[in-house]
């Protein structure tokens, strides 16, 4: 009796490609958010919060 084997070596490559594309899209979204006015406000509030926790500001 012969057993047929299916070659699935290309599946791993496709999964890496999908993961890379999703990561690049997420990085682009973060870049867009953080370089605009929203990012400026977020970083300013974060900086002020950290300074107040340290008792400096």
PDB file of N, CA and C in Angstrom:
ATOM      1  N   UNK A   1       0.842  -1.173   0.000  1.00  0.00           N
ATOM      2  CA  UNK A   1       0.000   0.000   0.000  1.00  0.00           C
ATOM      3  C   UNK A   1       0.893   1.244   0.000  1.00  0.00           C
ATOM      4  N   UNK A   2       0.611   2.164  -0.881  1.00  0.00           N
ATOM      5  CA  UNK A   2       1.384   3.400  -0.988  1.00  0.00           C
ATOM      6  C   UNK A   2       0.696   4.521  -0.215  1.00  0.00           C
ATOM      7  N   UNK A   3       1.501   5.303   0.490  1.00  0.00           N
ATOM      8  CA  UNK A   3       0.975   6.448   1.235  1.00  0.00           C
ATOM      9  C   UNK A   3       1.385   7.712   0.499  1.00  0.00           C
ATOM     10  N   UNK A   4       0.422   8.523   0.165  1.00  0.00           N
ATOM     11  CA  UNK A   4       0.728   9.777  -0.518  1.00  0.00           C
ATOM     12  C   UNK A   4       1.072  10.853   0.505  1.00  0.00           C
ATOM     13  N   UNK A   5       2.126  11.586   0.219  1.00  0.00           N
ATOM     14  CA  UNK A   5       2.525  12.693   1.093  1.00  0.00           C
ATOM     15  C   UNK A   5       2.319  13.995   0.334  1.00  0.00           C
ATOM     16  N   UNK A   6       1.784  14.958   1.016  1.00  0.00           N
ATOM     17  CA  UNK A   6       1.576  16.271   0.417  1.00  0.00           C
ATOM     18  C   UNK A   6       2.689  17.196   0.889  1.00  0.00           C
ATOM     19  N   UNK A   7       3.283  17.895  -0.040  1.00  0.00           N
ATOM     20  CA  UNK A   7       4.370  18.816   0.298  1.00  0.00           C
ATOM     21  C   UNK A   7       3.764  20.143   0.749  1.00  0.00           C
ATOM     22  N   UNK A   8       3.972  20.492   2.008  1.00  0.00           N
ATOM     23  CA  UNK A   8       3.430  21.728   2.570  1.00  0.00           C
ATOM     24  C   UNK A   8       4.536  22.719   2.916  1.00  0.00           C
ATOM     25  N   UNK A   9       5.664  22.623   2.247  1.00  0.00           N
ATOM     26  CA  UNK A   9       6.792  23.494   2.578  1.00  0.00           C
ATOM     27  C   UNK A   9       6.510  24.958   2.246  1.00  0.00           C
ATOM     28  N   UNK A  10       5.643  25.237   1.306  1.00  0.00           N
ATOM     29  CA  UNK A  10       5.323  26.616   0.945  1.00  0.00           C
ATOM     30  C   UNK A  10       4.390  27.301   1.926  1.00  0.00           C
ATOM     31  N   UNK A  11       3.731  26.543   2.782  1.00  0.00           N
ATOM     32  CA  UNK A  11       2.785  27.125   3.736  1.00  0.00           C
ATOM     33  C   UNK A  11       3.511  28.007   4.736  1.00  0.00           C
ATOM     34  N   UNK A  12       4.651  27.558   5.226  1.00  0.00           N
ATOM     35  CA  UNK A  12       5.405  28.348   6.192  1.00  0.00           C
ATOM     36  C   UNK A  12       5.814  29.680   5.586  1.00  0.00           C
ATOM     37  N   UNK A  13       6.259  29.666   4.356  1.00  0.00           N
ATOM     38  CA  UNK A  13       6.657  30.897   3.675  1.00  0.00           C
ATOM     39  C   UNK A  13       5.469  31.843   3.541  1.00  0.00           C
ATOM     40  N   UNK A  14       4.316  31.319   3.210  1.00  0.00           N
ATOM     41  CA  UNK A  14       3.119  32.155   3.083  1.00  0.00           C
ATOM     42  C   UNK A  14       2.723  32.750   4.428  1.00  0.00           C
ATOM     43  N   UNK A  15       2.863  31.976   5.504  1.00  0.00           N
ATOM     44  CA  UNK A  15       2.534  32.498   6.835  1.00  0.00           C
ATOM     45  C   UNK A  15       3.478  33.628   7.226  1.00  0.00           C
ATOM     46  N   UNK A  16       4.754  33.476   6.919  1.00  0.00           N
ATOM     47  CA  UNK A  16       5.709  34.550   7.193  1.00  0.00           C
ATOM     48  C   UNK A  16       5.379  35.798   6.379  1.00  0.00           C
ATOM     49  N   UNK A  17       4.969  35.612   5.137  1.00  0.00           N
ATOM     50  CA  UNK A  17       4.630  36.749   4.284  1.00  0.00           C
ATOM     51  C   UNK A  17       3.421  37.500   4.834  1.00  0.00           C
ATOM     52  N   UNK A  18       2.413  36.775   5.287  1.00  0.00           N
ATOM     53  CA  UNK A  18       1.223  37.412   5.862  1.00  0.00           C
ATOM     54  C   UNK A  18       1.584  38.138   7.149  1.00  0.00           C
ATOM     55  N   UNK A  19       2.400  37.518   7.994  1.00  0.00           N
ATOM     56  CA  UNK A  19       2.827  38.154   9.238  1.00  0.00           C
ATOM     57  C   UNK A  19       3.648  39.402   8.988  1.00  0.00           C
ATOM     58  N   UNK A  20       4.522  39.358   8.002  1.00  0.00           N
ATOM     59  CA  UNK A  20       5.339  40.520   7.659  1.00  0.00           C
ATOM     60  C   UNK A  20       4.477  41.655   7.124  1.00  0.00           C
ATOM     61  N   UNK A  21       3.518  41.333   6.273  1.00  0.00           N
ATOM     62  CA  UNK A  21       2.626  42.358   5.728  1.00  0.00           C
ATOM     63  C   UNK A  21       1.782  42.985   6.830  1.00  0.00           C
ATOM     64  N   UNK A  22       1.289  42.173   7.761  1.00  0.00           N
ATOM     65  CA  UNK A  22       0.494  42.708   8.873  1.00  0.00           C
ATOM     66  C   UNK A  22       1.352  43.593   9.765  1.00  0.00           C
ATOM     67  N   UNK A  23       2.576  43.181  10.030  1.00  0.00           N
ATOM     68  CA  UNK A  23       3.486  43.985  10.845  1.00  0.00           C
ATOM     69  C   UNK A  23       3.815  45.309  10.186  1.00  0.00           C
ATOM     70  N   UNK A  24       4.036  45.292   8.890  1.00  0.00           N
ATOM     71  CA  UNK A  24       4.331  46.530   8.168  1.00  0.00           C
ATOM     72  C   UNK A  24       3.122  47.463   8.175  1.00  0.00           C
ATOM     73  N   UNK A  25       1.940  46.914   8.023  1.00  0.00           N
ATOM     74  CA  UNK A  25       0.729  47.738   8.076  1.00  0.00           C
ATOM     75  C   UNK A  25       0.526  48.361   9.437  1.00  0.00           C
ATOM     76  N   UNK A  26       0.766  47.593  10.497  1.00  0.00           N
ATOM     77  CA  UNK A  26       0.636  48.109  11.859  1.00  0.00           C
ATOM     78  C   UNK A  26       1.673  49.192  12.125  1.00  0.00           C
ATOM     79  N   UNK A  27       2.895  48.991  11.645  1.00  0.00           N
ATOM     80  CA  UNK A  27       3.943  50.002  11.815  1.00  0.00           C
ATOM     81  C   UNK A  27       3.570  51.290  11.086  1.00  0.00           C
ATOM     82  N   UNK A  28       3.001  51.169   9.902  1.00  0.00           N
ATOM     83  CA  UNK A  28       2.566  52.348   9.160  1.00  0.00           C
ATOM     84  C   UNK A  28       1.460  53.098   9.880  1.00  0.00           C
ATOM     85  N   UNK A  29       0.536  52.362  10.467  1.00  0.00           N
ATOM     86  CA  UNK A  29      -0.548  52.984  11.232  1.00  0.00           C
ATOM     87  C   UNK A  29       0.001  53.720  12.449  1.00  0.00           C
ATOM     88  N   UNK A  30       0.908  53.083  13.190  1.00  0.00           N
ATOM     89  CA  UNK A  30       1.513  53.738  14.352  1.00  0.00           C
ATOM     90  C   UNK A  30       2.277  54.988  13.947  1.00  0.00           C
ATOM     91  N   UNK A  31       3.020  54.908  12.859  1.00  0.00           N
ATOM     92  CA  UNK A  31       3.781  56.065  12.382  1.00  0.00           C
ATOM     93  C   UNK A  31       2.841  57.219  12.047  1.00  0.00           C
ATOM     94  N   UNK A  32       1.748  56.916  11.369  1.00  0.00           N
ATOM     95  CA  UNK A  32       0.782  57.953  11.002  1.00  0.00           C
ATOM     96  C   UNK A  32       0.163  58.593  12.239  1.00  0.00           C
ATOM     97  N   UNK A  33      -0.198  57.784  13.219  1.00  0.00           N
ATOM     98  CA  UNK A  33      -0.811  58.315  14.437  1.00  0.00           C
ATOM     99  C   UNK A  33       0.172  59.140  15.258  1.00  0.00           C
ATOM    100  N   UNK A  34       1.390  58.647  15.405  1.00  0.00           N
ATOM    101  CA  UNK A  34       2.338  59.297  16.304  1.00  0.00           C
ATOM    102  C   UNK A  34       3.013  60.524  15.704  1.00  0.00           C
ATOM    103  N   UNK A  35       3.018  60.672  14.396  1.00  0.00           N
ATOM    104  CA  UNK A  35       3.643  61.845  13.792  1.00  0.00           C
ATOM    105  C   UNK A  35       2.648  62.983  13.582  1.00  0.00           C
ATOM    106  N   UNK A  36       1.390  62.755  13.848  1.00  0.00           N
ATOM    107  CA  UNK A  36       0.388  63.803  13.710  1.00  0.00           C
ATOM    108  C   UNK A  36       0.135  64.505  15.024  1.00  0.00           C
ATOM    109  N   UNK A  37      -0.915  65.296  15.073  1.00  0.00           N
ATOM    110  CA  UNK A  37      -1.279  66.047  16.277  1.00  0.00           C
ATOM    111  C   UNK A  37      -1.618  65.099  17.426  1.00  0.00           C
ATOM    112  N   UNK A  38      -2.232  63.986  17.112  1.00  0.00           N
ATOM    113  CA  UNK A  38      -2.566  63.004  18.149  1.00  0.00           C
ATOM    114  C   UNK A  38      -1.309  62.519  18.858  1.00  0.00           C
ATOM    115  N   UNK A  39      -0.276  62.226  18.100  1.00  0.00           N
ATOM    116  CA  UNK A  39       0.981  61.762  18.677  1.00  0.00           C
ATOM    117  C   UNK A  39       1.643  62.819  19.534  1.00  0.00           C
ATOM    118  N   UNK A  40       1.588  64.069  19.083  1.00  0.00           N
ATOM    119  CA  UNK A  40       2.157  65.168  19.872  1.00  0.00           C
ATOM    120  C   UNK A  40       1.456  65.283  21.220  1.00  0.00           C
ATOM    121  N   UNK A  41       0.133  65.242  21.201  1.00  0.00           N
ATOM    122  CA  UNK A  41      -0.640  65.349  22.443  1.00  0.00           C
ATOM    123  C   UNK A  41      -0.371  64.152  23.354  1.00  0.00           C
ATOM    124  N   UNK A  42      -0.304  62.977  22.777  1.00  0.00           N
ATOM    125  CA  UNK A  42      -0.065  61.768  23.556  1.00  0.00           C
ATOM    126  C   UNK A  42       1.299  61.813  24.240  1.00  0.00           C
ATOM    127  N   UNK A  43       2.329  62.166  23.491  1.00  0.00           N
ATOM    128  CA  UNK A  43       3.671  62.220  24.061  1.00  0.00           C
ATOM    129  C   UNK A  43       3.788  63.319  25.109  1.00  0.00           C
ATOM    130  N   UNK A  44       3.139  64.454  24.876  1.00  0.00           N
ATOM    131  CA  UNK A  44       3.182  65.546  25.849  1.00  0.00           C
ATOM    132  C   UNK A  44       2.499  65.132  27.155  1.00  0.00           C
ATOM    133  N   UNK A  45       1.328  64.509  27.055  1.00  0.00           N
ATOM    134  CA  UNK A  45       0.620  64.058  28.260  1.00  0.00           C
ATOM    135  C   UNK A  45       1.414  62.981  28.994  1.00  0.00           C
ATOM    136  N   UNK A  46       2.029  62.081  28.242  1.00  0.00           N
ATOM    137  CA  UNK A  46       2.839  61.034  28.853  1.00  0.00           C
ATOM    138  C   UNK A  46       4.037  61.631  29.584  1.00  0.00           C
ATOM    139  N   UNK A  47       4.707  62.582  28.958  1.00  0.00           N
ATOM    140  CA  UNK A  47       5.865  63.237  29.565  1.00  0.00           C
ATOM    141  C   UNK A  47       5.461  63.973  30.841  1.00  0.00           C
ATOM    142  N   UNK A  48       4.353  64.706  30.784  1.00  0.00           N
ATOM    143  CA  UNK A  48       3.885  65.433  31.970  1.00  0.00           C
ATOM    144  C   UNK A  48       3.519  64.468  33.096  1.00  0.00           C
ATOM    145  N   UNK A  49       2.906  63.358  32.750  1.00  0.00           N
ATOM    146  CA  UNK A  49       2.520  62.369  33.757  1.00  0.00           C
ATOM    147  C   UNK A  49       3.755  61.776  34.441  1.00  0.00           C
ATOM    148  N   UNK A  50       4.753  61.426  33.657  1.00  0.00           N
ATOM    149  CA  UNK A  50       5.983  60.866  34.225  1.00  0.00           C
ATOM    150  C   UNK A  50       6.674  61.898  35.104  1.00  0.00           C
ATOM    151  N   UNK A  51       6.709  63.148  34.662  1.00  0.00           N
ATOM    152  CA  UNK A  51       7.345  64.205  35.455  1.00  0.00           C
ATOM    153  C   UNK A  51       6.602  64.410  36.777  1.00  0.00           C
ATOM    154  N   UNK A  52       5.270  64.327  36.749  1.00  0.00           N
ATOM    155  CA  UNK A  52       4.510  64.497  37.990  1.00  0.00           C
ATOM    156  C   UNK A  52       4.725  63.308  38.933  1.00  0.00           C
ATOM    157  N   UNK A  53       4.889  62.110  38.379  1.00  0.00           N
ATOM    158  CA  UNK A  53       5.181  60.945  39.213  1.00  0.00           C
ATOM    159  C   UNK A  53       6.539  61.076  39.900  1.00  0.00           C
ATOM    160  N   UNK A  54       7.472  61.702  39.210  1.00  0.00           N
ATOM    161  CA  UNK A  54       8.806  61.901  39.774  1.00  0.00           C
ATOM    162  C   UNK A  54       8.859  63.101  40.710  1.00  0.00           C
ATOM    163  N   UNK A  55       7.774  63.876  40.756  1.00  0.00           N
ATOM    164  CA  UNK A  55       7.719  65.048  41.619  1.00  0.00           C
ATOM    165  C   UNK A  55       8.459  66.240  41.053  1.00  0.00           C
ATOM    166  N   UNK A  56       8.701  66.242  39.754  1.00  0.00           N
ATOM    167  CA  UNK A  56       9.451  67.333  39.124  1.00  0.00           C
ATOM    168  C   UNK A  56       8.506  68.383  38.558  1.00  0.00           C
ATOM    169  N   UNK A  57       7.400  67.965  37.990  1.00  0.00           N
ATOM    170  CA  UNK A  57       6.560  68.917  37.294  1.00  0.00           C
ATOM    171  C   UNK A  57       5.275  69.201  37.923  1.00  0.00           C
TER     172      UNK A  57
END
